[in-house]
Amino acid sequence: SFHSFDGCRILYRHWPAENHNGRFITLFHRGHEHGARLTE
């Protein structure tokens, strides 16, 4: 988690890379939903 500008605590998930290639992807979920919905 991290705290935003107003102190709001925001959670996030990290799926570590298998054989990391030095690259990153960030995912933004649909409205009403959450990051765990993007597990697959």
Full PDB file with SEQRES, HELIX, SHEET, SSBOND, CRYST1, ORIGX, SCALE, CONECT and MASTER records, all heavy atoms in Angstrom:
SEQRES   1 A   40  SER PHE HIS SER PHE ASP GLY CYS ARG ILE LEU TYR ARG          
SEQRES   2 A   40  HIS TRP PRO ALA GLU ASN HIS ASN GLY ARG PHE ILE THR          
SEQRES   3 A   40  LEU PHE HIS ARG GLY HIS GLU HIS GLY ALA ARG LEU THR          
SEQRES   4 A   40  GLU                                                          
HELIX    1 AA1 GLY A   35  LEU A   38  5                                   4    
CRYST1    1.000    1.000    1.000  90.00  90.00  90.00 P 1           1          
ORIGX1      1.000000  0.000000  0.000000        0.00000                         
ORIGX2      0.000000  1.000000  0.000000        0.00000                         
ORIGX3      0.000000  0.000000  1.000000        0.00000                         
SCALE1      1.000000  0.000000  0.000000        0.00000                         
SCALE2      0.000000  1.000000  0.000000        0.00000                         
SCALE3      0.000000  0.000000  1.000000        0.00000                         
ATOM      1  N   SER A   1       0.845  -1.190   0.000  1.00  0.00           N  
ATOM      2  CA  SER A   1       0.000   0.000   0.000  1.00  0.00           C  
ATOM      3  C   SER A   1       0.882   1.242   0.000  1.00  0.00           C  
ATOM      4  O   SER A   1       2.063   1.190   0.315  1.00  0.00           O  
ATOM      5  CB  SER A   1      -0.932   0.019   1.215  1.00  0.00           C  
ATOM      6  OG  SER A   1      -0.194   0.236   2.407  1.00  0.00           O  
ATOM      7  N   PHE A   2       0.287   2.341  -0.380  1.00  0.00           N  
ATOM      8  CA  PHE A   2       0.937   3.641  -0.245  1.00  0.00           C  
ATOM      9  C   PHE A   2      -0.139   4.645   0.140  1.00  0.00           C  
ATOM     10  O   PHE A   2      -1.337   4.385   0.018  1.00  0.00           O  
ATOM     11  CB  PHE A   2       1.645   4.055  -1.543  1.00  0.00           C  
ATOM     12  CG  PHE A   2       0.723   4.564  -2.626  1.00  0.00           C  
ATOM     13  CD1 PHE A   2       0.587   5.920  -2.866  1.00  0.00           C  
ATOM     14  CD2 PHE A   2      -0.022   3.678  -3.403  1.00  0.00           C  
ATOM     15  CE1 PHE A   2      -0.268   6.387  -3.858  1.00  0.00           C  
ATOM     16  CE2 PHE A   2      -0.869   4.131  -4.396  1.00  0.00           C  
ATOM     17  CZ  PHE A   2      -0.995   5.495  -4.627  1.00  0.00           C  
ATOM     18  N   HIS A   3       0.286   5.796   0.608  1.00  0.00           N  
ATOM     19  CA  HIS A   3      -0.651   6.849   0.988  1.00  0.00           C  
ATOM     20  C   HIS A   3      -0.576   7.970  -0.041  1.00  0.00           C  
ATOM     21  O   HIS A   3       0.506   8.460  -0.357  1.00  0.00           O  
ATOM     22  CB  HIS A   3      -0.344   7.383   2.382  1.00  0.00           C  
ATOM     23  CG  HIS A   3      -0.671   6.396   3.467  1.00  0.00           C  
ATOM     24  ND1 HIS A   3       0.220   5.411   3.864  1.00  0.00           N  
ATOM     25  CD2 HIS A   3      -1.798   6.216   4.213  1.00  0.00           C  
ATOM     26  CE1 HIS A   3      -0.341   4.678   4.822  1.00  0.00           C  
ATOM     27  NE2 HIS A   3      -1.557   5.140   5.046  1.00  0.00           N  
ATOM     28  N   SER A   4      -1.732   8.368  -0.533  1.00  0.00           N  
ATOM     29  CA  SER A   4      -1.786   9.415  -1.541  1.00  0.00           C  
ATOM     30  C   SER A   4      -1.633  10.784  -0.890  1.00  0.00           C  
ATOM     31  O   SER A   4      -1.379  10.904   0.307  1.00  0.00           O  
ATOM     32  CB  SER A   4      -3.088   9.322  -2.337  1.00  0.00           C  
ATOM     33  OG  SER A   4      -3.038  10.117  -3.493  1.00  0.00           O  
ATOM     34  N   PHE A   5      -1.809  11.841  -1.664  1.00  0.00           N  
ATOM     35  CA  PHE A   5      -1.532  13.204  -1.223  1.00  0.00           C  
ATOM     36  C   PHE A   5      -2.350  13.615  -0.013  1.00  0.00           C  
ATOM     37  O   PHE A   5      -1.915  14.446   0.787  1.00  0.00           O  
ATOM     38  CB  PHE A   5      -1.792  14.184  -2.378  1.00  0.00           C  
ATOM     39  CG  PHE A   5      -3.225  14.223  -2.824  1.00  0.00           C  
ATOM     40  CD1 PHE A   5      -4.097  15.179  -2.334  1.00  0.00           C  
ATOM     41  CD2 PHE A   5      -3.713  13.299  -3.728  1.00  0.00           C  
ATOM     42  CE1 PHE A   5      -5.422  15.210  -2.731  1.00  0.00           C  
ATOM     43  CE2 PHE A   5      -5.031  13.323  -4.145  1.00  0.00           C  
ATOM     44  CZ  PHE A   5      -5.893  14.279  -3.641  1.00  0.00           C  
ATOM     45  N   ASP A   6      -3.544  13.037   0.132  1.00  0.00           N  
ATOM     46  CA  ASP A   6      -4.418  13.410   1.242  1.00  0.00           C  
ATOM     47  C   ASP A   6      -4.439  12.367   2.350  1.00  0.00           C  
ATOM     48  O   ASP A   6      -5.293  12.396   3.230  1.00  0.00           O  
ATOM     49  CB  ASP A   6      -5.842  13.651   0.734  1.00  0.00           C  
ATOM     50  CG  ASP A   6      -6.427  12.417   0.045  1.00  0.00           C  
ATOM     51  OD1 ASP A   6      -5.684  11.442  -0.167  1.00  0.00           O  
ATOM     52  OD2 ASP A   6      -7.626  12.436  -0.288  1.00  0.00           O  
ATOM     53  N   GLY A   7      -3.489  11.426   2.306  1.00  0.00           N  
ATOM     54  CA  GLY A   7      -3.411  10.392   3.333  1.00  0.00           C  
ATOM     55  C   GLY A   7      -4.239   9.163   3.047  1.00  0.00           C  
ATOM     56  O   GLY A   7      -4.201   8.196   3.828  1.00  0.00           O  
ATOM     57  N   CYS A   8      -5.000   9.163   1.953  1.00  0.00           N  
ATOM     58  CA  CYS A   8      -5.815   7.997   1.610  1.00  0.00           C  
ATOM     59  C   CYS A   8      -4.912   6.795   1.321  1.00  0.00           C  
ATOM     60  O   CYS A   8      -3.995   6.873   0.497  1.00  0.00           O  
ATOM     61  CB  CYS A   8      -6.683   8.303   0.389  1.00  0.00           C  
ATOM     62  SG  CYS A   8      -7.762   6.954  -0.116  1.00  0.00           S  
ATOM     63  N   ARG A   9      -5.192   5.678   2.007  1.00  0.00           N  
ATOM     64  CA  ARG A   9      -4.374   4.480   1.856  1.00  0.00           C  
ATOM     65  C   ARG A   9      -4.884   3.667   0.664  1.00  0.00           C  
ATOM     66  O   ARG A   9      -6.039   3.250   0.616  1.00  0.00           O  
ATOM     67  CB  ARG A   9      -4.442   3.650   3.132  1.00  0.00           C  
ATOM     68  CG  ARG A   9      -3.637   2.361   3.124  1.00  0.00           C  
ATOM     69  CD  ARG A   9      -3.552   1.812   4.550  1.00  0.00           C  
ATOM     70  NE  ARG A   9      -3.101   0.443   4.591  1.00  0.00           N  
ATOM     71  CZ  ARG A   9      -3.915  -0.600   4.710  1.00  0.00           C  
ATOM     72  NH1 ARG A   9      -5.218  -0.417   4.779  1.00  0.00           N  
ATOM     73  NH2 ARG A   9      -3.429  -1.817   4.766  1.00  0.00           N  
ATOM     74  N   ILE A  10      -4.003   3.457  -0.299  1.00  0.00           N  
ATOM     75  CA  ILE A  10      -4.362   2.762  -1.536  1.00  0.00           C  
ATOM     76  C   ILE A  10      -3.540   1.482  -1.642  1.00  0.00           C  
ATOM     77  O   ILE A  10      -2.308   1.519  -1.558  1.00  0.00           O  
ATOM     78  CB  ILE A  10      -4.131   3.669  -2.754  1.00  0.00           C  
ATOM     79  CG1 ILE A  10      -5.070   4.886  -2.670  1.00  0.00           C  
ATOM     80  CG2 ILE A  10      -4.337   2.908  -4.055  1.00  0.00           C  
ATOM     81  CD1 ILE A  10      -4.897   5.882  -3.774  1.00  0.00           C  
ATOM     82  N   LEU A  11      -4.225   0.370  -1.829  1.00  0.00           N  
ATOM     83  CA  LEU A  11      -3.561  -0.930  -1.929  1.00  0.00           C  
ATOM     84  C   LEU A  11      -3.239  -1.267  -3.383  1.00  0.00           C  
ATOM     85  O   LEU A  11      -3.937  -0.838  -4.296  1.00  0.00           O  
ATOM     86  CB  LEU A  11      -4.441  -2.030  -1.334  1.00  0.00           C  
ATOM     87  CG  LEU A  11      -4.353  -2.186   0.192  1.00  0.00           C  
ATOM     88  CD1 LEU A  11      -5.180  -1.129   0.901  1.00  0.00           C  
ATOM     89  CD2 LEU A  11      -4.806  -3.577   0.616  1.00  0.00           C  
ATOM     90  N   TYR A  12      -2.180  -2.023  -3.550  1.00  0.00           N  
ATOM     91  CA  TYR A  12      -1.847  -2.529  -4.886  1.00  0.00           C  
ATOM     92  C   TYR A  12      -1.184  -3.888  -4.758  1.00  0.00           C  
ATOM     93  O   TYR A  12      -0.645  -4.251  -3.703  1.00  0.00           O  
ATOM     94  CB  TYR A  12      -0.941  -1.551  -5.642  1.00  0.00           C  
ATOM     95  CG  TYR A  12       0.431  -1.328  -5.044  1.00  0.00           C  
ATOM     96  CD1 TYR A  12       1.530  -2.075  -5.470  1.00  0.00           C  
ATOM     97  CD2 TYR A  12       0.633  -0.348  -4.069  1.00  0.00           C  
ATOM     98  CE1 TYR A  12       2.792  -1.856  -4.942  1.00  0.00           C  
ATOM     99  CE2 TYR A  12       1.896  -0.136  -3.530  1.00  0.00           C  
ATOM    100  CZ  TYR A  12       2.973  -0.882  -3.969  1.00  0.00           C  
ATOM    101  OH  TYR A  12       4.232  -0.669  -3.441  1.00  0.00           O  
ATOM    102  N   ARG A  13      -1.227  -4.636  -5.839  1.00  0.00           N  
ATOM    103  CA  ARG A  13      -0.663  -5.990  -5.880  1.00  0.00           C  
ATOM    104  C   ARG A  13       0.523  -6.042  -6.821  1.00  0.00           C  
ATOM    105  O   ARG A  13       0.555  -5.331  -7.830  1.00  0.00           O  
ATOM    106  CB  ARG A  13      -1.747  -6.982  -6.321  1.00  0.00           C  
ATOM    107  CG  ARG A  13      -2.847  -7.160  -5.309  1.00  0.00           C  
ATOM    108  CD  ARG A  13      -4.089  -7.815  -5.884  1.00  0.00           C  
ATOM    109  NE  ARG A  13      -5.114  -7.987  -4.853  1.00  0.00           N  
ATOM    110  CZ  ARG A  13      -5.941  -7.017  -4.446  1.00  0.00           C  
ATOM    111  NH1 ARG A  13      -5.864  -5.830  -5.007  1.00  0.00           N  
ATOM    112  NH2 ARG A  13      -6.826  -7.252  -3.497  1.00  0.00           N  
ATOM    113  N   HIS A  14       1.444  -6.901  -6.481  1.00  0.00           N  
ATOM    114  CA  HIS A  14       2.629  -7.092  -7.319  1.00  0.00           C  
ATOM    115  C   HIS A  14       2.767  -8.579  -7.625  1.00  0.00           C  
ATOM    116  O   HIS A  14       2.838  -9.414  -6.717  1.00  0.00           O  
ATOM    117  CB  HIS A  14       3.885  -6.596  -6.588  1.00  0.00           C  
ATOM    118  CG  HIS A  14       5.155  -6.929  -7.297  1.00  0.00           C  
ATOM    119  ND1 HIS A  14       6.343  -7.201  -6.623  1.00  0.00           N  
ATOM    120  CD2 HIS A  14       5.442  -7.042  -8.612  1.00  0.00           C  
ATOM    121  CE1 HIS A  14       7.291  -7.467  -7.505  1.00  0.00           C  
ATOM    122  NE2 HIS A  14       6.774  -7.384  -8.712  1.00  0.00           N  
ATOM    123  N   TRP A  15       2.779  -8.900  -8.920  1.00  0.00           N  
ATOM    124  CA  TRP A  15       3.060 -10.253  -9.368  1.00  0.00           C  
ATOM    125  C   TRP A  15       4.493 -10.267  -9.895  1.00  0.00           C  
ATOM    126  O   TRP A  15       4.776  -9.716 -10.968  1.00  0.00           O  
ATOM    127  CB  TRP A  15       2.107 -10.663 -10.490  1.00  0.00           C  
ATOM    128  CG  TRP A  15       0.689 -10.877 -10.032  1.00  0.00           C  
ATOM    129  CD1 TRP A  15       0.111 -12.059  -9.689  1.00  0.00           C  
ATOM    130  CD2 TRP A  15      -0.339  -9.879  -9.907  1.00  0.00           C  
ATOM    131  NE1 TRP A  15      -1.206 -11.881  -9.348  1.00  0.00           N  
ATOM    132  CE2 TRP A  15      -1.517 -10.542  -9.471  1.00  0.00           C  
ATOM    133  CE3 TRP A  15      -0.377  -8.496 -10.104  1.00  0.00           C  
ATOM    134  CZ2 TRP A  15      -2.697  -9.863  -9.232  1.00  0.00           C  
ATOM    135  CZ3 TRP A  15      -1.559  -7.817  -9.866  1.00  0.00           C  
ATOM    136  CH2 TRP A  15      -2.709  -8.497  -9.440  1.00  0.00           C  
ATOM    137  N   PRO A  16       5.430 -10.842  -9.147  1.00  0.00           N  
ATOM    138  CA  PRO A  16       6.835 -10.821  -9.589  1.00  0.00           C  
ATOM    139  C   PRO A  16       7.014 -11.573 -10.900  1.00  0.00           C  
ATOM    140  O   PRO A  16       6.318 -12.553 -11.193  1.00  0.00           O  
ATOM    141  CB  PRO A  16       7.575 -11.530  -8.444  1.00  0.00           C  
ATOM    142  CG  PRO A  16       6.648 -11.433  -7.264  1.00  0.00           C  
ATOM    143  CD  PRO A  16       5.263 -11.481  -7.837  1.00  0.00           C  
ATOM    144  N   ALA A  17       7.951 -11.082 -11.695  1.00  0.00           N  
ATOM    145  CA  ALA A  17       8.219 -11.687 -12.999  1.00  0.00           C  
ATOM    146  C   ALA A  17       8.919 -13.020 -12.851  1.00  0.00           C  
ATOM    147  O   ALA A  17       9.714 -13.231 -11.921  1.00  0.00           O  
ATOM    148  CB  ALA A  17       9.082 -10.754 -13.839  1.00  0.00           C  
ATOM    149  N   GLU A  18       8.608 -13.908 -13.752  1.00  0.00           N  
ATOM    150  CA  GLU A  18       9.387 -15.136 -13.888  1.00  0.00           C  
ATOM    151  C   GLU A  18      10.466 -14.851 -14.927  1.00  0.00           C  
ATOM    152  O   GLU A  18      10.166 -14.557 -16.075  1.00  0.00           O  
ATOM    153  CB  GLU A  18       8.478 -16.278 -14.344  1.00  0.00           C  
ATOM    154  CG  GLU A  18       7.353 -16.591 -13.372  1.00  0.00           C  
ATOM    155  CD  GLU A  18       6.451 -17.709 -13.870  1.00  0.00           C  
ATOM    156  OE1 GLU A  18       6.864 -18.422 -14.814  1.00  0.00           O  
ATOM    157  OE2 GLU A  18       5.343 -17.870 -13.324  1.00  0.00           O  
ATOM    158  N   ASN A  19      11.747 -14.908 -14.495  1.00  0.00           N  
ATOM    159  CA  ASN A  19      12.859 -14.560 -15.387  1.00  0.00           C  
ATOM    160  C   ASN A  19      12.699 -13.132 -15.900  1.00  0.00           C  
ATOM    161  O   ASN A  19      12.472 -12.882 -17.080  1.00  0.00           O  
ATOM    162  CB  ASN A  19      12.949 -15.536 -16.570  1.00  0.00           C  
ATOM    163  CG  ASN A  19      13.116 -16.971 -16.131  1.00  0.00           C  
ATOM    164  OD1 ASN A  19      13.916 -17.248 -15.229  1.00  0.00           O  
ATOM    165  ND2 ASN A  19      12.358 -17.887 -16.736  1.00  0.00           N  
ATOM    166  N   HIS A  20      12.852 -12.193 -14.981  1.00  0.00           N  
ATOM    167  CA  HIS A  20      12.570 -10.781 -15.261  1.00  0.00           C  
ATOM    168  C   HIS A  20      13.374 -10.272 -16.447  1.00  0.00           C  
ATOM    169  O   HIS A  20      14.591 -10.457 -16.530  1.00  0.00           O  
ATOM    170  CB  HIS A  20      12.901  -9.930 -14.030  1.00  0.00           C  
ATOM    171  CG  HIS A  20      12.505  -8.499 -14.149  1.00  0.00           C  
ATOM    172  ND1 HIS A  20      13.224  -7.483 -13.592  1.00  0.00           N  
ATOM    173  CD2 HIS A  20      11.450  -7.923 -14.791  1.00  0.00           C  
ATOM    174  CE1 HIS A  20      12.640  -6.330 -13.869  1.00  0.00           C  
ATOM    175  NE2 HIS A  20      11.563  -6.570 -14.585  1.00  0.00           N  
ATOM    176  N   ASN A  21      12.672  -9.606 -17.375  1.00  0.00           N  
ATOM    177  CA  ASN A  21      13.310  -9.048 -18.570  1.00  0.00           C  
ATOM    178  C   ASN A  21      13.605  -7.560 -18.446  1.00  0.00           C  
ATOM    179  O   ASN A  21      13.928  -6.897 -19.427  1.00  0.00           O  
ATOM    180  CB  ASN A  21      12.420  -9.289 -19.796  1.00  0.00           C  
ATOM    181  CG  ASN A  21      11.024  -8.676 -19.629  1.00  0.00           C  
ATOM    182  OD1 ASN A  21      10.786  -7.839 -18.757  1.00  0.00           O  
ATOM    183  ND2 ASN A  21      10.087  -9.112 -20.468  1.00  0.00           N  
ATOM    184  N   GLY A  22      13.485  -7.025 -17.217  1.00  0.00           N  
ATOM    185  CA  GLY A  22      13.775  -5.615 -17.004  1.00  0.00           C  
ATOM    186  C   GLY A  22      12.619  -4.695 -17.341  1.00  0.00           C  
ATOM    187  O   GLY A  22      12.791  -3.479 -17.381  1.00  0.00           O  
ATOM    188  N   ARG A  23      11.431  -5.281 -17.569  1.00  0.00           N  
ATOM    189  CA  ARG A  23      10.285  -4.490 -17.989  1.00  0.00           C  
ATOM    190  C   ARG A  23       9.127  -4.624 -16.991  1.00  0.00           C  
ATOM    191  O   ARG A  23       9.080  -5.564 -16.210  1.00  0.00           O  
ATOM    192  CB  ARG A  23       9.833  -4.926 -19.387  1.00  0.00           C  
ATOM    193  CG  ARG A  23      10.930  -4.766 -20.436  1.00  0.00           C  
ATOM    194  CD  ARG A  23      10.570  -5.466 -21.724  1.00  0.00           C  
ATOM    195  NE  ARG A  23      11.672  -5.394 -22.698  1.00  0.00           N  
ATOM    196  CZ  ARG A  23      11.694  -6.049 -23.846  1.00  0.00           C  
ATOM    197  NH1 ARG A  23      10.678  -6.849 -24.175  1.00  0.00           N  
ATOM    198  NH2 ARG A  23      12.708  -5.930 -24.667  1.00  0.00           N  
ATOM    199  N   PHE A  24       8.207  -3.665 -17.089  1.00  0.00           N  
ATOM    200  CA  PHE A  24       7.116  -3.571 -16.114  1.00  0.00           C  
ATOM    201  C   PHE A  24       5.795  -3.326 -16.836  1.00  0.00           C  
ATOM    202  O   PHE A  24       5.754  -2.693 -17.890  1.00  0.00           O  
ATOM    203  CB  PHE A  24       7.361  -2.417 -15.136  1.00  0.00           C  
ATOM    204  CG  PHE A  24       8.679  -2.500 -14.405  1.00  0.00           C  
ATOM    205  CD1 PHE A  24       9.856  -2.051 -15.004  1.00  0.00           C  
ATOM    206  CD2 PHE A  24       8.744  -3.013 -13.123  1.00  0.00           C  
ATOM    207  CE1 PHE A  24      11.067  -2.111 -14.339  1.00  0.00           C  
ATOM    208  CE2 PHE A  24       9.959  -3.087 -12.451  1.00  0.00           C  
ATOM    209  CZ  PHE A  24      11.120  -2.632 -13.063  1.00  0.00           C  
ATOM    210  N   ILE A  25       4.714  -3.800 -16.223  1.00  0.00           N  
ATOM    211  CA  ILE A  25       3.365  -3.515 -16.700  1.00  0.00           C  
ATOM    212  C   ILE A  25       2.521  -3.112 -15.494  1.00  0.00           C  
ATOM    213  O   ILE A  25       2.558  -3.770 -14.455  1.00  0.00           O  
ATOM    214  CB  ILE A  25       2.734  -4.737 -17.402  1.00  0.00           C  
ATOM    215  CG1 ILE A  25       3.389  -4.966 -18.767  1.00  0.00           C  
ATOM    216  CG2 ILE A  25       1.228  -4.539 -17.591  1.00  0.00           C  
ATOM    217  CD1 ILE A  25       2.866  -6.184 -19.509  1.00  0.00           C  
ATOM    218  N   THR A  26       1.786  -2.033 -15.648  1.00  0.00           N  
ATOM    219  CA  THR A  26       0.827  -1.646 -14.611  1.00  0.00           C  
ATOM    220  C   THR A  26      -0.578  -1.766 -15.193  1.00  0.00           C  
ATOM    221  O   THR A  26      -0.822  -1.445 -16.360  1.00  0.00           O  
ATOM    222  CB  THR A  26       1.062  -0.205 -14.119  1.00  0.00           C  
ATOM    223  OG1 THR A  26       1.031   0.689 -15.231  1.00  0.00           O  
ATOM    224  CG2 THR A  26       2.396  -0.089 -13.428  1.00  0.00           C  
ATOM    225  N   LEU A  27      -1.506  -2.221 -14.357  1.00  0.00           N  
ATOM    226  CA  LEU A  27      -2.874  -2.500 -14.779  1.00  0.00           C  
ATOM    227  C   LEU A  27      -3.856  -1.583 -14.046  1.00  0.00           C  
ATOM    228  O   LEU A  27      -3.740  -1.388 -12.831  1.00  0.00           O  
ATOM    229  CB  LEU A  27      -3.235  -3.957 -14.489  1.00  0.00           C  
ATOM    230  CG  LEU A  27      -2.302  -5.038 -15.058  1.00  0.00           C  
ATOM    231  CD1 LEU A  27      -2.764  -6.420 -14.599  1.00  0.00           C  
ATOM    232  CD2 LEU A  27      -2.251  -4.960 -16.578  1.00  0.00           C  
ATOM    233  N   PHE A  28      -4.822  -1.039 -14.781  1.00  0.00           N  
ATOM    234  CA  PHE A  28      -5.873  -0.201 -14.217  1.00  0.00           C  
ATOM    235  C   PHE A  28      -7.218  -0.899 -14.453  1.00  0.00           C  
ATOM    236  O   PHE A  28      -7.631  -1.091 -15.600  1.00  0.00           O  
ATOM    237  CB  PHE A  28      -5.880   1.179 -14.880  1.00  0.00           C  
ATOM    238  CG  PHE A  28      -4.714   2.048 -14.505  1.00  0.00           C  
ATOM    239  CD1 PHE A  28      -3.457   1.828 -15.063  1.00  0.00           C  
ATOM    240  CD2 PHE A  28      -4.863   3.102 -13.615  1.00  0.00           C  
ATOM    241  CE1 PHE A  28      -2.380   2.636 -14.733  1.00  0.00           C  
ATOM    242  CE2 PHE A  28      -3.790   3.912 -13.276  1.00  0.00           C  
ATOM    243  CZ  PHE A  28      -2.544   3.668 -13.837  1.00  0.00           C  
ATOM    244  N   HIS A  29      -7.894  -1.259 -13.378  1.00  0.00           N  
ATOM    245  CA  HIS A  29      -9.125  -2.050 -13.486  1.00  0.00           C  
ATOM    246  C   HIS A  29     -10.322  -1.194 -13.893  1.00  0.00           C  
ATOM    247  O   HIS A  29     -10.269   0.048 -13.903  1.00  0.00           O  
ATOM    248  CB  HIS A  29      -9.407  -2.757 -12.161  1.00  0.00           C  
ATOM    249  CG  HIS A  29      -9.582  -1.807 -10.999  1.00  0.00           C  
ATOM    250  ND1 HIS A  29     -10.734  -1.084 -10.782  1.00  0.00           N  
ATOM    251  CD2 HIS A  29      -8.730  -1.472  -9.979  1.00  0.00           C  
ATOM    252  CE1 HIS A  29     -10.602  -0.354  -9.686  1.00  0.00           C  
ATOM    253  NE2 HIS A  29      -9.395  -0.553  -9.186  1.00  0.00           N  
ATOM    254  N   ARG A  30     -11.427  -1.862 -14.195  1.00  0.00           N  
ATOM    255  CA  ARG A  30     -12.693  -1.201 -14.514  1.00  0.00           C  
ATOM    256  C   ARG A  30     -13.244  -0.471 -13.297  1.00  0.00           C  
ATOM    257  O   ARG A  30     -12.839  -0.709 -12.173  1.00  0.00           O  
ATOM    258  CB  ARG A  30     -13.743  -2.225 -14.958  1.00  0.00           C  
ATOM    259  CG  ARG A  30     -13.516  -2.876 -16.304  1.00  0.00           C  
ATOM    260  CD  ARG A  30     -14.666  -3.828 -16.632  1.00  0.00           C  
ATOM    261  NE  ARG A  30     -15.940  -3.135 -16.578  1.00  0.00           N  
ATOM    262  CZ  ARG A  30     -16.880  -3.328 -15.650  1.00  0.00           C  
ATOM    263  NH1 ARG A  30     -16.688  -4.225 -14.689  1.00  0.00           N  
ATOM    264  NH2 ARG A  30     -18.008  -2.652 -15.683  1.00  0.00           N  
ATOM    265  N   GLY A  31     -14.218   0.420 -13.543  1.00  0.00           N  
ATOM    266  CA  GLY A  31     -14.948   1.011 -12.437  1.00  0.00           C  
ATOM    267  C   GLY A  31     -15.667  -0.066 -11.646  1.00  0.00           C  
ATOM    268  O   GLY A  31     -15.996  -1.129 -12.180  1.00  0.00           O  
ATOM    269  N   HIS A  32     -15.884   0.187 -10.367  1.00  0.00           N  
ATOM    270  CA  HIS A  32     -16.589  -0.708  -9.433  1.00  0.00           C  
ATOM    271  C   HIS A  32     -15.733  -1.909  -8.992  1.00  0.00           C  
ATOM    272  O   HIS A  32     -16.098  -2.578  -8.026  1.00  0.00           O  
ATOM    273  CB  HIS A  32     -17.897  -1.267 -10.032  1.00  0.00           C  
ATOM    274  CG  HIS A  32     -18.788  -0.245 -10.639  1.00  0.00           C  
ATOM    275  ND1 HIS A  32     -19.420   0.720  -9.897  1.00  0.00           N  
ATOM    276  CD2 HIS A  32     -19.163  -0.023 -11.934  1.00  0.00           C  
ATOM    277  CE1 HIS A  32     -20.150   1.497 -10.687  1.00  0.00           C  
ATOM    278  NE2 HIS A  32     -20.008   1.065 -11.928  1.00  0.00           N  
ATOM    279  N   GLU A  33     -14.636  -2.202  -9.682  1.00  0.00           N  
ATOM    280  CA  GLU A  33     -13.907  -3.449  -9.433  1.00  0.00           C  
ATOM    281  C   GLU A  33     -12.621  -3.211  -8.647  1.00  0.00           C  
ATOM    282  O   GLU A  33     -12.498  -2.211  -7.930  1.00  0.00           O  
ATOM    283  CB  GLU A  33     -13.654  -4.163 -10.760  1.00  0.00           C  
ATOM    284  CG  GLU A  33     -14.954  -4.528 -11.490  1.00  0.00           C  
ATOM    285  CD  GLU A  33     -14.769  -5.575 -12.573  1.00  0.00           C  
ATOM    286  OE1 GLU A  33     -13.653  -6.103 -12.711  1.00  0.00           O  
ATOM    287  OE2 GLU A  33     -15.751  -5.870 -13.282  1.00  0.00           O  
ATOM    288  N   HIS A  34     -11.650  -4.108  -8.772  1.00  0.00           N  
ATOM    289  CA  HIS A  34     -10.412  -4.005  -7.998  1.00  0.00           C  
ATOM    290  C   HIS A  34      -9.326  -4.828  -8.675  1.00  0.00           C  
ATOM    291  O   HIS A  34      -9.587  -5.616  -9.599  1.00  0.00           O  
ATOM    292  CB  HIS A  34     -10.634  -4.475  -6.557  1.00  0.00           C  
ATOM    293  CG  HIS A  34     -11.243  -5.845  -6.439  1.00  0.00           C  
ATOM    294  ND1 HIS A  34     -10.485  -7.002  -6.423  1.00  0.00           N  
ATOM    295  CD2 HIS A  34     -12.538  -6.241  -6.356  1.00  0.00           C  
ATOM    296  CE1 HIS A  34     -11.287  -8.048  -6.323  1.00  0.00           C  
ATOM    297  NE2 HIS A  34     -12.538  -7.623  -6.285  1.00  0.00           N  
ATOM    298  N   GLY A  35      -8.090  -4.648  -8.212  1.00  0.00           N  
ATOM    299  CA  GLY A  35      -6.938  -5.234  -8.880  1.00  0.00           C  
ATOM    300  C   GLY A  35      -6.895  -6.742  -8.884  1.00  0.00           C  
ATOM    301  O   GLY A  35      -6.371  -7.359  -9.823  1.00  0.00           O  
ATOM    302  N   ALA A  36      -7.447  -7.398  -7.848  1.00  0.00           N  
ATOM    303  CA  ALA A  36      -7.405  -8.859  -7.801  1.00  0.00           C  
ATOM    304  C   ALA A  36      -8.205  -9.479  -8.943  1.00  0.00           C  
ATOM    305  O   ALA A  36      -7.971 -10.639  -9.311  1.00  0.00           O  
ATOM    306  CB  ALA A  36      -7.933  -9.361  -6.454  1.00  0.00           C  
ATOM    307  N   ARG A  37      -9.130  -8.721  -9.505  1.00  0.00           N  
ATOM    308  CA  ARG A  37      -9.919  -9.218 -10.637  1.00  0.00           C  
ATOM    309  C   ARG A  37      -9.060  -9.423 -11.887  1.00  0.00           C  
ATOM    310  O   ARG A  37      -9.483 -10.066 -12.837  1.00  0.00           O  
ATOM    311  CB  ARG A  37     -11.035  -8.217 -10.959  1.00  0.00           C  
ATOM    312  CG  ARG A  37     -12.109  -8.134  -9.895  1.00  0.00           C  
ATOM    313  CD  ARG A  37     -13.239  -9.100 -10.168  1.00  0.00           C  
ATOM    314  NE  ARG A  37     -13.909  -8.768 -11.419  1.00  0.00           N  
ATOM    315  CZ  ARG A  37     -14.586  -9.632 -12.148  1.00  0.00           C  
ATOM    316  NH1 ARG A  37     -14.668 -10.899 -11.785  1.00  0.00           N  
ATOM    317  NH2 ARG A  37     -15.174  -9.259 -13.271  1.00  0.00           N  
ATOM    318  N   LEU A  38      -7.854  -8.883 -11.878  1.00  0.00           N  
ATOM    319  CA  LEU A  38      -6.972  -8.961 -13.041  1.00  0.00           C  
ATOM    320  C   LEU A  38      -5.882 -10.010 -12.863  1.00  0.00           C  
ATOM    321  O   LEU A  38      -4.873 -10.004 -13.566  1.00  0.00           O  
ATOM    322  CB  LEU A  38      -6.333  -7.589 -13.293  1.00  0.00           C  
ATOM    323  CG  LEU A  38      -7.324  -6.430 -13.447  1.00  0.00           C  
ATOM    324  CD1 LEU A  38      -6.582  -5.111 -13.613  1.00  0.00           C  
ATOM    325  CD2 LEU A  38      -8.261  -6.669 -14.630  1.00  0.00           C  
ATOM    326  N   THR A  39      -6.099 -10.920 -11.923  1.00  0.00           N  
ATOM    327  CA  THR A  39      -5.083 -11.910 -11.592  1.00  0.00           C  
ATOM    328  C   THR A  39      -4.656 -12.752 -12.792  1.00  0.00           C  
ATOM    329  O   THR A  39      -3.457 -12.945 -13.042  1.00  0.00           O  
ATOM    330  CB  THR A  39      -5.591 -12.828 -10.472  1.00  0.00           C  
ATOM    331  OG1 THR A  39      -5.788 -12.061  -9.289  1.00  0.00           O  
ATOM    332  CG2 THR A  39      -4.595 -13.947 -10.192  1.00  0.00           C  
ATOM    333  N   GLU A  40      -5.609 -13.260 -13.539  1.00  0.00           N  
ATOM    334  CA  GLU A  40      -5.276 -14.138 -14.664  1.00  0.00           C  
ATOM    335  C   GLU A  40      -4.400 -13.407 -15.684  1.00  0.00           C  
ATOM    336  O   GLU A  40      -3.405 -13.956 -16.169  1.00  0.00           O  
ATOM    337  CB  GLU A  40      -6.555 -14.642 -15.334  1.00  0.00           C  
ATOM    338  CG  GLU A  40      -6.293 -15.611 -16.487  1.00  0.00           C  
ATOM    339  CD  GLU A  40      -7.571 -16.088 -17.162  1.00  0.00           C  
ATOM    340  OE1 GLU A  40      -8.673 -15.727 -16.689  1.00  0.00           O  
ATOM    341  OE2 GLU A  40      -7.474 -16.822 -18.169  1.00  0.00           O  
TER     342      GLU A  40                                                      
MASTER        0    0    0    1    0    0    0    6  341    1    0    4          
END                                                                             
